[in-house]
C-alpha atoms as a PDB file:
ATOM      1  CA  UNK A   1     127.601  81.958  80.648  1.00  0.00           C
ATOM      2  CA  UNK A   2     125.212  83.065  77.940  1.00  0.00           C
ATOM      3  CA  UNK A   3     123.305  80.089  77.606  1.00  0.00           C
ATOM      4  CA  UNK A   4     122.858  80.130  81.672  1.00  0.00           C
ATOM      5  CA  UNK A   5     120.789  82.976  81.345  1.00  0.00           C
ATOM      6  CA  UNK A   6     119.006  81.835  79.107  1.00  0.00           C
ATOM      7  CA  UNK A   7     117.851  78.767  80.924  1.00  0.00           C
ATOM      8  CA  UNK A   8     116.777  80.903  84.069  1.00  0.00           C
ATOM      9  CA  UNK A   9     114.742  83.635  82.175  1.00  0.00           C
ATOM     10  CA  UNK A  10     113.280  80.868  79.854  1.00  0.00           C
ATOM     11  CA  UNK A  11     112.677  78.800  83.586  1.00  0.00           C
ATOM     12  CA  UNK A  12     111.238  82.004  85.060  1.00  0.00           C
ATOM     13  CA  UNK A  13     108.463  82.622  82.092  1.00  0.00           C
ATOM     14  CA  UNK A  14     107.468  78.997  82.568  1.00  0.00           C
ATOM     15  CA  UNK A  15     106.992  79.149  86.265  1.00  0.00           C
ATOM     16  CA  UNK A  16     105.363  82.870  85.850  1.00  0.00           C
ATOM     17  CA  UNK A  17     102.983  81.013  82.720  1.00  0.00           C
ATOM     18  CA  UNK A  18     102.088  77.835  85.451  1.00  0.00           C
ATOM     19  CA  UNK A  19     101.378  80.534  87.838  1.00  0.00           C
ATOM     20  CA  UNK A  20      99.139  82.274  86.057  1.00  0.00           C
ATOM     21  CA  UNK A  21      97.541  79.842  84.096  1.00  0.00           C
ATOM     22  CA  UNK A  22      95.044  79.139  86.761  1.00  0.00           C
ATOM     23  CA  UNK A  23      93.506  82.791  86.914  1.00  0.00           C
ATOM     24  CA  UNK A  24      90.242  83.617  85.540  1.00  0.00           C
ATOM     25  CA  UNK A  25      90.184  86.811  86.750  1.00  0.00           C
ATOM     26  CA  UNK A  26      87.633  89.363  87.765  1.00  0.00           C
ATOM     27  CA  UNK A  27      86.172  92.139  85.770  1.00  0.00           C
ATOM     28  CA  UNK A  28      87.439  95.374  86.757  1.00  0.00           C
ATOM     29  CA  UNK A  29      84.196  97.415  86.006  1.00  0.00           C
ATOM     30  CA  UNK A  30      81.687  94.464  87.087  1.00  0.00           C
ATOM     31  CA  UNK A  31      78.231  95.426  85.858  1.00  0.00           C
ATOM     32  CA  UNK A  32      76.212  97.472  88.828  1.00  0.00           C
ATOM     33  CA  UNK A  33      73.849  95.069  90.992  1.00  0.00           C
ATOM     34  CA  UNK A  34      71.263  97.728  91.461  1.00  0.00           C
ATOM     35  CA  UNK A  35      70.684  98.643  87.679  1.00  0.00           C
ATOM     36  CA  UNK A  36      72.773 101.705  87.935  1.00  0.00           C
ATOM     37  CA  UNK A  37      74.406 103.182  84.636  1.00  0.00           C
ATOM     38  CA  UNK A  38      77.047 103.942  86.940  1.00  0.00           C
ATOM     39  CA  UNK A  39      79.853 100.468  86.951  1.00  0.00           C
ATOM     40  CA  UNK A  40      80.848  99.925  90.752  1.00  0.00           C
ATOM     41  CA  UNK A  41      84.988  99.923  90.336  1.00  0.00           C
ATOM     42  CA  UNK A  42      86.909  97.061  91.521  1.00  0.00           C
ATOM     43  CA  UNK A  43      88.861  99.986  93.629  1.00  0.00           C
ATOM     44  CA  UNK A  44      85.899 101.283  95.580  1.00  0.00           C
ATOM     45  CA  UNK A  45      87.366  99.570  98.804  1.00  0.00           C
ATOM     46  CA  UNK A  46      91.101  99.982  97.713  1.00  0.00           C
ATOM     47  CA  UNK A  47      91.507 102.962 100.241  1.00  0.00           C
ATOM     48  CA  UNK A  48      90.322 101.156 103.039  1.00  0.00           C
ATOM     49  CA  UNK A  49      92.803  98.352 102.597  1.00  0.00           C
ATOM     50  CA  UNK A  50      96.253  98.081 103.925  1.00  0.00           C
ATOM     51  CA  UNK A  51      98.464  97.091 100.991  1.00  0.00           C
ATOM     52  CA  UNK A  52      99.426  93.806 102.600  1.00  0.00           C
ATOM     53  CA  UNK A  53      95.273  93.077 102.884  1.00  0.00           C
ATOM     54  CA  UNK A  54      94.891  94.275  99.412  1.00  0.00           C
ATOM     55  CA  UNK A  55      97.847  91.780  98.515  1.00  0.00           C
ATOM     56  CA  UNK A  56      96.374  88.603 100.329  1.00  0.00           C
ATOM     57  CA  UNK A  57      93.107  89.078  99.240  1.00  0.00           C
ATOM     58  CA  UNK A  58      93.052  90.262  95.376  1.00  0.00           C
ATOM     59  CA  UNK A  59      95.814  87.472  94.764  1.00  0.00           C
ATOM     60  CA  UNK A  60      94.029  84.725  96.566  1.00  0.00           C
ATOM     61  CA  UNK A  61      91.336  85.287  94.190  1.00  0.00           C
ATOM     62  CA  UNK A  62      92.649  82.834  91.933  1.00  0.00           C
ATOM     63  CA  UNK A  63      95.783  81.166  93.550  1.00  0.00           C
ATOM     64  CA  UNK A  64      97.711  81.037  96.735  1.00  0.00           C
ATOM     65  CA  UNK A  65      99.571  83.500  97.441  1.00  0.00           C
ATOM     66  CA  UNK A  66     103.192  83.231  97.516  1.00  0.00           C
ATOM     67  CA  UNK A  67     105.489  84.621 100.399  1.00  0.00           C
ATOM     68  CA  UNK A  68     106.607  88.054  99.962  1.00  0.00           C
ATOM     69  CA  UNK A  69     110.273  86.633  99.972  1.00  0.00           C
ATOM     70  CA  UNK A  70     109.514  83.664  97.312  1.00  0.00           C
ATOM     71  CA  UNK A  71     111.282  86.204  94.487  1.00  0.00           C
ATOM     72  CA  UNK A  72     113.716  89.407  94.516  1.00  0.00           C
ATOM     73  CA  UNK A  73     112.432  92.318  94.215  1.00  0.00           C
ATOM     74  CA  UNK A  74     112.791  92.740  90.689  1.00  0.00           C
ATOM     75  CA  UNK A  75     111.262  89.452  89.461  1.00  0.00           C
ATOM     76  CA  UNK A  76     108.555  90.785  91.684  1.00  0.00           C
ATOM     77  CA  UNK A  77     108.007  93.570  89.558  1.00  0.00           C
ATOM     78  CA  UNK A  78     107.986  91.517  86.126  1.00  0.00           C
ATOM     79  CA  UNK A  79     105.440  88.873  88.165  1.00  0.00           C
ATOM     80  CA  UNK A  80     102.873  91.691  89.214  1.00  0.00           C
ATOM     81  CA  UNK A  81     103.437  93.118  85.218  1.00  0.00           C
ATOM     82  CA  UNK A  82     101.561  89.972  84.279  1.00  0.00           C
ATOM     83  CA  UNK A  83      99.136  89.604  86.949  1.00  0.00           C
ATOM     84  CA  UNK A  84      97.765  93.057  86.240  1.00  0.00           C
ATOM     85  CA  UNK A  85      96.668  91.321  82.806  1.00  0.00           C
ATOM     86  CA  UNK A  86      95.886  87.895  83.952  1.00  0.00           C
ATOM     87  CA  UNK A  87      94.055  89.239  87.770  1.00  0.00           C
ATOM     88  CA  UNK A  88      92.171  92.830  85.996  1.00  0.00           C
ATOM     89  CA  UNK A  89      94.205  94.580  88.419  1.00  0.00           C
ATOM     90  CA  UNK A  90      93.815  98.513  88.453  1.00  0.00           C
ATOM     91  CA  UNK A  91      97.192 100.393  87.782  1.00  0.00           C
ATOM     92  CA  UNK A  92      96.764 101.414  91.299  1.00  0.00           C
ATOM     93  CA  UNK A  93      96.090  98.113  92.518  1.00  0.00           C
ATOM     94  CA  UNK A  94      99.597  97.064  90.812  1.00  0.00           C
ATOM     95  CA  UNK A  95     101.486  99.721  92.158  1.00  0.00           C
ATOM     96  CA  UNK A  96     100.652  99.467  95.696  1.00  0.00           C
ATOM     97  CA  UNK A  97     100.965  95.214  95.774  1.00  0.00           C
ATOM     98  CA  UNK A  98     103.928  95.477  93.903  1.00  0.00           C
ATOM     99  CA  UNK A  99     105.660  98.140  96.620  1.00  0.00           C
ATOM    100  CA  UNK A 100     104.323  95.863  99.276  1.00  0.00           C
ATOM    101  CA  UNK A 101     106.122  93.103  98.045  1.00  0.00           C
ATOM    102  CA  UNK A 102     109.709  94.428  96.673  1.00  0.00           C
ATOM    103  CA  UNK A 103     109.861  96.093 100.383  1.00  0.00           C
ATOM    104  CA  UNK A 104     108.777  93.306 102.107  1.00  0.00           C
ATOM    105  CA  UNK A 105     111.006  90.783 100.035  1.00  0.00           C
ATOM    106  CA  UNK A 106     114.627  92.971 100.776  1.00  0.00           C
END
């Protein structure tokens, strides 16, 4: 029984690694285009997008987004922790996308 859990955990870790390997990410604070001293934050357009749009647009920067029911809610939480780092997501982006995916996967 323990070896089955270990194999499942190892398999899931491999899936996360392979899924995230192609992501080069995007800078959270890109340099301003007009030379201004205050950077334009990646979240400037965030309030204007639905959670589904944010998921689709943000995740498709690096890979084809998985369907919301691809993982169970708990698995999405783990995946999104990894994607926050790999995809340079803000805390707010991670929370909104995770909430969308966990709600949609139930």
